[in-house]
Amino acid sequence: MSSGGDGNSAYGHRPFERSRSHFTDRITADGRDGWPVTAGRYRLVVSRACPWASRAVISRRLLGLEDALSMAIADPVQDDRSWRFTLDPDGRDPVLGIRYLAQAYERREPGHPGGVSVPAIVDVPSGALVTNDYGRLTLDLATEWTALHRPGAPDLYPDRLRDEIDAVMADVYEDVNNGVYRAGFASEQGAYEKAFEGVFGRLELLSSRLAGQRYLVGDTITEADIRLFTTLVRFDAVYHGHFKCNRHKLTEDRVLWAYARDLFQTPGFGDTVDFDHIKRHYYRVHTGINPTGIVPLGPDLSGWRTPHRREELGGRPFGTGTPPGPVRAGEEVAARGRP
């Protein structure tokens, strides 16, 4: 999710096109791009508001990488200078020593094209950005960082299922993850209607798929579930109203609502979600489609903790592994905005 410049005020006034990641270096076990997996060397910068960054937050926690990969949490409300660290004392990230994520981008490439996006991984010794490739980042956490995974970490991208996972994720990305943005930021009626139909057409197919199986691919949680969850958990809070994806709410689809609650109640998912950050970001930052900046008080979030009965479908959330332990001190989600 990008920030900076006049992009926020332009939403809804010009056609929406998601920018590709400009920095696509990979952190790998063999260090072939010059960035070897090394405990303590890198810092993951995220916003709890951003669905793309939330994928990395969830993956890091499920895999138990908290000691190996530290995490910085940006203020959900940016200014024109990019994601800022105003949640930290003195408005500086305590590890990188910077006030704005843009400073790490500039250290990597002065005057770089494009905006400043999260998730991003920064090299701590140099203070320079390594990657903002949200599509690849979490896959590498699952496959390249295995030597640093916790005992009992799940296999989020099992080799035997990768073709199916990739196909499911491609459809989810096009119609759901990115589709809600294309609907919300559409600048003309036809573009909005096309995106809207794509969102709900795909959700209907996903609902049918999940009616008889607990998870999207196989009988355990995979990367595909993480990527769908981060959109579903924001659906009623922001996409239904703010992005005009209002054919129905998530709570009105019996299967998807139960599926989303199942994941939310699984350690590593709901304990990373901050509805206050989510709502304040979307409604206050996207001034092109919400010029008043008013943040709605609803919807009622109490249903996220209600029984879902998805366990009756079988499946093992973590396969032969185990759930992650308690959330680390300093990474707890604030009580405000929580169900």
Protein backbone atom coordinates (compact mmCIF):
# COMPACT_ATOMS: atom_id res chain seq x y z
CA MET A 1 0.00 0.00 0.00
CA SER A 2 1.61 3.20 -1.20
CA SER A 3 1.71 6.71 0.17
CA GLY A 4 3.19 10.07 -0.67
CA GLY A 5 2.46 12.93 -3.04
CA ASP A 6 -1.07 13.83 -4.05
CA GLY A 7 -2.17 10.25 -4.70
CA ASN A 8 -4.63 10.10 -1.83
CA SER A 9 -6.63 13.11 -3.02
CA ALA A 10 -6.59 11.76 -6.58
CA TYR A 11 -8.37 8.51 -5.69
CA GLY A 12 -11.76 8.44 -7.35
CA HIS A 13 -10.77 11.15 -9.83
CA ARG A 14 -8.55 9.18 -12.20
CA PRO A 15 -8.43 5.51 -13.26
CA PHE A 16 -6.92 3.21 -10.65
CA GLU A 17 -3.89 1.10 -11.49
CA ARG A 18 -1.84 -0.68 -8.84
CA SER A 19 1.86 0.12 -9.08
CA ARG A 20 4.29 -2.73 -9.40
CA SER A 21 6.94 -3.14 -6.74
CA HIS A 22 10.03 -1.22 -7.80
CA PHE A 23 12.47 -2.98 -5.47
CA THR A 24 12.26 -6.71 -6.05
CA ASP A 25 15.48 -8.02 -4.51
CA ARG A 26 14.98 -11.22 -2.57
CA ILE A 27 16.34 -12.26 0.81
CA THR A 28 17.30 -15.89 0.31
CA ALA A 29 19.04 -18.73 2.10
CA ASP A 30 21.93 -18.63 -0.41
CA GLY A 31 22.04 -14.83 -0.63
CA ARG A 32 22.02 -14.86 -4.44
CA ASP A 33 20.69 -11.28 -4.64
CA GLY A 34 23.26 -10.12 -2.11
CA TRP A 35 20.85 -10.39 0.81
CA PRO A 36 21.35 -13.64 2.77
CA VAL A 37 18.86 -14.71 5.40
CA THR A 38 20.45 -13.57 8.65
CA ALA A 39 18.84 -13.31 12.06
CA GLY A 40 18.64 -9.73 13.28
CA ARG A 41 19.91 -8.08 10.10
CA TYR A 42 16.58 -6.92 8.67
CA ARG A 43 13.55 -4.98 9.86
CA LEU A 44 10.04 -5.50 8.51
CA VAL A 45 8.09 -2.25 8.21
CA VAL A 46 4.31 -2.58 8.15
CA SER A 47 1.05 -0.82 8.72
CA ARG A 48 -1.65 -2.78 10.51
CA ALA A 49 -4.12 -0.91 8.29
CA CYS A 50 -2.73 -2.32 5.04
CA PRO A 51 -3.92 -5.73 3.81
CA TRP A 52 -0.73 -6.31 1.82
CA ALA A 53 1.41 -5.62 4.88
CA SER A 54 -0.89 -7.68 7.10
CA ARG A 55 0.02 -10.75 5.09
CA ALA A 56 3.61 -10.35 6.28
CA VAL A 57 2.56 -9.69 9.89
CA ILE A 58 0.54 -12.92 9.95
CA SER A 59 3.21 -14.99 8.20
CA ARG A 60 5.96 -13.74 10.50
CA ARG A 61 3.91 -14.68 13.56
CA LEU A 62 2.78 -18.09 12.27
CA LEU A 63 6.36 -18.99 11.36
CA GLY A 64 7.80 -17.71 14.62
CA LEU A 65 10.22 -15.24 13.08
CA GLU A 66 9.82 -12.55 15.74
CA ASP A 67 13.37 -12.95 17.09
CA ALA A 68 14.92 -13.20 13.63
CA LEU A 69 13.03 -10.37 11.91
CA SER A 70 12.12 -7.32 13.96
CA MET A 71 9.03 -5.31 13.05
CA ALA A 72 8.25 -1.59 12.86
CA ILE A 73 4.62 -0.47 12.88
CA ALA A 74 3.81 2.77 11.07
CA ASP A 75 1.07 5.23 11.95
CA PRO A 76 -2.07 4.29 9.98
CA VAL A 77 -2.50 7.93 8.91
CA GLN A 78 0.29 9.05 6.59
CA ASP A 79 1.19 12.51 5.46
CA ASP A 80 2.62 13.61 2.10
CA ARG A 81 6.09 12.48 3.17
CA SER A 82 5.03 8.82 3.45
CA TRP A 83 4.46 6.29 6.21
CA ARG A 84 5.65 7.80 9.47
CA PHE A 85 6.78 6.42 12.83
CA THR A 86 4.73 8.70 15.05
CA LEU A 87 3.62 5.74 17.19
CA ASP A 88 7.17 5.53 18.55
CA PRO A 89 8.81 7.85 21.10
CA ASP A 90 10.07 11.07 19.50
CA GLY A 91 8.42 10.00 16.24
CA ARG A 92 11.40 7.85 15.21
CA ASP A 93 11.69 4.14 14.62
CA PRO A 94 13.85 2.98 17.54
CA VAL A 95 15.93 0.60 15.39
CA LEU A 96 16.30 2.49 12.11
CA GLY A 97 16.33 5.95 13.67
CA ILE A 98 14.20 7.45 10.92
CA ARG A 99 10.96 9.41 11.02
CA TYR A 100 9.62 8.36 7.61
CA LEU A 101 9.89 5.13 5.64
CA ALA A 102 10.76 7.29 2.60
CA GLN A 103 14.19 7.83 4.16
CA ALA A 104 15.02 4.13 3.76
CA TYR A 105 13.84 4.26 0.15
CA GLU A 106 16.08 7.27 -0.51
CA ARG A 107 19.07 5.51 1.01
CA ARG A 108 18.52 2.68 -1.44
CA GLU A 109 17.89 4.85 -4.52
CA PRO A 110 17.81 8.65 -4.31
CA GLY A 111 14.93 10.06 -6.33
CA HIS A 112 13.44 6.61 -6.93
CA PRO A 113 10.24 6.48 -9.01
CA GLY A 114 6.90 5.57 -7.49
CA GLY A 115 5.47 5.88 -4.02
CA VAL A 116 6.56 4.51 -0.66
CA SER A 117 4.79 1.26 0.12
CA VAL A 118 4.45 -1.31 2.86
CA PRO A 119 5.32 -4.04 3.52
CA ALA A 120 8.98 -3.21 3.19
CA ILE A 121 12.10 -4.87 4.51
CA VAL A 122 15.02 -2.61 5.44
CA ASP A 123 18.64 -3.60 5.94
CA VAL A 124 19.41 -2.42 9.49
CA PRO A 125 23.20 -1.88 9.14
CA SER A 126 22.88 0.37 6.09
CA GLY A 127 19.38 1.72 6.72
CA ALA A 128 18.54 1.07 3.06
CA LEU A 129 15.45 -0.60 1.68
CA VAL A 130 15.92 -4.19 0.51
CA THR A 131 12.51 -5.04 -0.98
CA ASN A 132 8.92 -3.85 -1.22
CA ASP A 133 7.83 -6.83 -3.33
CA TYR A 134 4.64 -7.72 -1.44
CA GLY A 135 3.86 -10.58 -3.83
CA ARG A 136 7.12 -12.42 -3.19
CA LEU A 137 7.99 -11.34 0.35
CA THR A 138 5.74 -13.72 2.27
CA LEU A 139 6.52 -16.65 -0.02
CA ASP A 140 10.20 -16.17 0.79
CA LEU A 141 9.45 -16.00 4.51
CA ALA A 142 7.81 -19.41 4.13
CA THR A 143 10.46 -21.04 1.95
CA GLU A 144 13.80 -19.22 2.29
CA TRP A 145 13.75 -18.48 6.02
CA THR A 146 13.09 -22.09 7.10
CA ALA A 147 16.30 -22.37 9.12
CA LEU A 148 14.96 -19.65 11.41
CA HIS A 149 11.36 -20.90 11.70
CA ARG A 150 10.11 -21.86 15.15
CA PRO A 151 9.76 -25.56 16.04
CA GLY A 152 6.29 -26.64 14.89
CA ALA A 153 5.93 -23.86 12.29
CA PRO A 154 3.36 -24.70 9.59
CA ASP A 155 4.29 -25.21 5.95
CA LEU A 156 2.42 -22.28 4.39
CA TYR A 157 3.55 -23.00 0.83
CA PRO A 158 3.90 -26.81 0.52
CA ASP A 159 5.69 -27.84 -2.63
CA ARG A 160 3.14 -30.45 -3.69
CA LEU A 161 0.31 -27.90 -3.62
CA ARG A 162 2.07 -24.85 -5.07
CA ASP A 163 0.47 -24.97 -8.50
CA GLU A 164 -3.01 -25.04 -6.99
CA ILE A 165 -2.15 -22.41 -4.38
CA ASP A 166 -0.73 -20.13 -7.09
CA ALA A 167 -3.85 -20.50 -9.24
CA VAL A 168 -6.19 -19.76 -6.33
CA MET A 169 -4.11 -16.78 -5.22
CA ALA A 170 -4.05 -15.34 -8.75
CA ASP A 171 -7.86 -15.35 -8.93
CA VAL A 172 -8.20 -13.97 -5.40
CA TYR A 173 -5.73 -11.20 -6.17
CA GLU A 174 -7.37 -10.12 -9.41
CA ASP A 175 -10.99 -10.12 -8.32
CA VAL A 176 -10.92 -9.73 -4.53
CA ASN A 177 -7.66 -8.33 -3.10
CA ASN A 178 -7.22 -5.81 -5.91
CA GLY A 179 -10.83 -5.86 -7.08
CA VAL A 180 -12.13 -3.98 -4.05
CA TYR A 181 -9.61 -1.22 -4.78
CA ARG A 182 -10.58 -1.03 -8.43
CA ALA A 183 -14.20 -0.64 -7.35
CA GLY A 184 -13.46 1.88 -4.61
CA PHE A 185 -11.11 4.04 -6.64
CA ALA A 186 -13.01 3.84 -9.94
CA SER A 187 -13.35 7.17 -11.69
CA GLU A 188 -16.27 6.26 -13.91
CA GLN A 189 -19.40 4.13 -13.60
CA GLY A 190 -18.47 1.39 -16.04
CA ALA A 191 -15.12 0.68 -14.38
CA TYR A 192 -16.80 0.54 -10.99
CA GLU A 193 -19.51 -1.87 -12.15
CA LYS A 194 -16.98 -4.18 -13.81
CA ALA A 195 -14.87 -4.35 -10.66
CA PHE A 196 -17.96 -4.73 -8.46
CA GLU A 197 -19.19 -7.70 -10.49
CA GLY A 198 -15.74 -9.25 -10.36
CA VAL A 199 -15.57 -8.96 -6.58
CA PHE A 200 -18.91 -10.58 -5.90
CA GLY A 201 -18.62 -13.13 -8.68
CA ARG A 202 -15.36 -14.37 -7.20
CA LEU A 203 -16.70 -14.29 -3.63
CA GLU A 204 -19.59 -16.49 -4.75
CA LEU A 205 -17.16 -19.01 -6.25
CA LEU A 206 -15.02 -18.95 -3.12
CA SER A 207 -18.08 -19.48 -0.95
CA SER A 208 -19.00 -22.55 -3.01
CA ARG A 209 -15.45 -23.87 -2.79
CA LEU A 210 -15.32 -23.44 0.98
CA ALA A 211 -18.76 -24.89 1.67
CA GLY A 212 -17.29 -28.38 1.79
CA GLN A 213 -13.68 -27.79 2.84
CA ARG A 214 -12.21 -25.88 5.75
CA TYR A 215 -9.33 -24.20 3.90
CA LEU A 216 -8.77 -23.04 0.35
CA VAL A 217 -6.15 -25.63 -0.65
CA GLY A 218 -5.57 -28.91 1.18
CA ASP A 219 -6.54 -29.49 4.79
CA THR A 220 -4.24 -26.93 6.45
CA ILE A 221 -3.73 -23.18 6.41
CA THR A 222 -1.65 -21.99 3.46
CA GLU A 223 -0.55 -18.70 1.96
CA ALA A 224 -3.81 -18.68 -0.02
CA ASP A 225 -5.86 -18.43 3.17
CA ILE A 226 -3.71 -15.60 4.51
CA ARG A 227 -4.22 -13.57 1.32
CA LEU A 228 -7.98 -14.01 1.28
CA PHE A 229 -8.33 -13.37 5.01
CA THR A 230 -6.69 -9.93 4.91
CA THR A 231 -9.38 -8.70 2.50
CA LEU A 232 -12.29 -10.47 4.21
CA VAL A 233 -11.42 -9.07 7.64
CA ARG A 234 -11.63 -5.53 6.19
CA PHE A 235 -14.74 -6.13 4.13
CA ASP A 236 -17.54 -4.92 6.37
CA ALA A 237 -15.39 -2.36 8.19
CA VAL A 238 -14.29 -0.48 5.08
CA TYR A 239 -14.88 -2.10 1.69
CA HIS A 240 -18.65 -2.46 1.97
CA GLY A 241 -19.21 1.26 2.58
CA HIS A 242 -16.04 3.16 1.74
CA PHE A 243 -15.33 1.21 -1.47
CA LYS A 244 -19.03 0.76 -2.41
CA CYS A 245 -18.74 -3.05 -2.47
CA ASN A 246 -22.23 -3.30 -1.05
CA ARG A 247 -24.11 -6.11 -2.77
CA HIS A 248 -23.99 -7.78 0.63
CA LYS A 249 -21.85 -7.78 3.75
CA LEU A 250 -19.44 -10.53 4.68
CA THR A 251 -21.71 -11.34 7.62
CA GLU A 252 -24.50 -12.10 5.14
CA ASP A 253 -22.57 -14.90 3.41
CA ARG A 254 -22.92 -17.87 5.76
CA VAL A 255 -19.88 -19.77 4.47
CA LEU A 256 -17.39 -16.94 4.07
CA TRP A 257 -18.39 -15.38 7.38
CA ALA A 258 -17.80 -18.69 9.19
CA TYR A 259 -14.51 -19.22 7.31
CA ALA A 260 -13.28 -15.73 8.21
CA ARG A 261 -14.22 -16.20 11.87
CA ASP A 262 -12.44 -19.55 11.94
CA LEU A 263 -9.22 -17.89 10.78
CA PHE A 264 -9.73 -14.84 13.01
CA GLN A 265 -9.94 -17.10 16.05
CA THR A 266 -6.81 -19.00 15.00
CA PRO A 267 -3.63 -17.76 16.75
CA GLY A 268 -1.66 -15.60 14.34
CA PHE A 269 -4.67 -14.09 12.57
CA GLY A 270 -7.11 -12.14 14.73
CA ASP A 271 -4.43 -11.23 17.24
CA THR A 272 -2.71 -9.18 14.51
CA VAL A 273 -5.84 -7.27 13.41
CA ASP A 274 -6.38 -3.67 14.52
CA PHE A 275 -9.76 -2.40 13.33
CA ASP A 276 -9.03 1.07 14.67
CA HIS A 277 -5.95 1.38 12.45
CA ILE A 278 -7.85 -0.06 9.50
CA LYS A 279 -10.78 2.33 9.72
CA ARG A 280 -8.75 5.43 10.46
CA HIS A 281 -6.44 4.79 7.52
CA TYR A 282 -9.07 4.23 4.87
CA TYR A 283 -11.51 6.92 5.93
CA ARG A 284 -8.98 9.61 6.83
CA VAL A 285 -6.30 9.07 4.19
CA HIS A 286 -8.41 8.52 1.06
CA THR A 287 -9.57 12.12 0.84
CA GLY A 288 -10.42 11.74 -2.82
CA ILE A 289 -13.39 9.52 -1.93
CA ASN A 290 -14.04 10.63 1.66
CA PRO A 291 -13.23 14.35 1.71
CA THR A 292 -14.73 14.94 5.15
CA GLY A 293 -12.37 12.45 6.79
CA ILE A 294 -15.18 11.27 9.06
CA VAL A 295 -14.56 7.78 10.44
CA PRO A 296 -17.79 5.80 10.94
CA LEU A 297 -18.54 4.33 14.33
CA GLY A 298 -19.83 1.02 12.94
CA PRO A 299 -20.07 -1.75 12.10
CA ASP A 300 -20.63 -3.94 15.16
CA LEU A 301 -17.53 -6.13 15.49
CA SER A 302 -18.73 -8.39 18.31
CA GLY A 303 -19.52 -11.28 15.97
CA TRP A 304 -15.89 -12.10 15.22
CA ARG A 305 -15.61 -14.16 18.40
CA THR A 306 -18.82 -16.17 17.95
CA PRO A 307 -18.74 -19.95 17.26
CA HIS A 308 -18.18 -20.89 13.60
CA ARG A 309 -18.34 -24.73 13.62
CA ARG A 310 -15.87 -24.98 10.75
CA GLU A 311 -13.94 -27.61 12.69
CA GLU A 312 -16.73 -30.02 11.72
CA LEU A 313 -15.25 -30.02 8.20
CA GLY A 314 -12.04 -31.54 9.53
CA GLY A 315 -8.67 -30.13 8.63
CA ARG A 316 -5.73 -29.27 10.84
CA PRO A 317 -4.89 -25.56 11.00
CA PHE A 318 -1.14 -26.11 11.47
CA GLY A 319 -0.81 -29.57 9.93
CA THR A 320 1.56 -31.64 12.04
CA GLY A 321 2.84 -28.45 13.66
CA THR A 322 1.64 -26.31 16.54
CA PRO A 323 0.05 -22.87 17.05
CA PRO A 324 2.34 -19.89 17.66
CA GLY A 325 2.86 -18.83 21.24
CA PRO A 326 1.54 -15.68 22.88
CA VAL A 327 1.99 -12.36 21.11
CA ARG A 328 5.35 -10.81 21.98
CA ALA A 329 5.52 -7.85 24.35
CA GLY A 330 5.36 -4.59 22.44
CA GLU A 331 3.50 -6.16 19.50
CA GLU A 332 0.08 -6.45 21.09
CA VAL A 333 -2.86 -4.93 19.21
CA ALA A 334 -4.40 -2.02 21.11
CA ALA A 335 -7.77 -2.79 22.68
CA ARG A 336 -9.46 0.11 20.88
CA GLY A 337 -11.32 -1.12 17.83
CA ARG A 338 -11.02 -4.78 18.75
CA PRO A 339 -14.05 -7.09 18.76
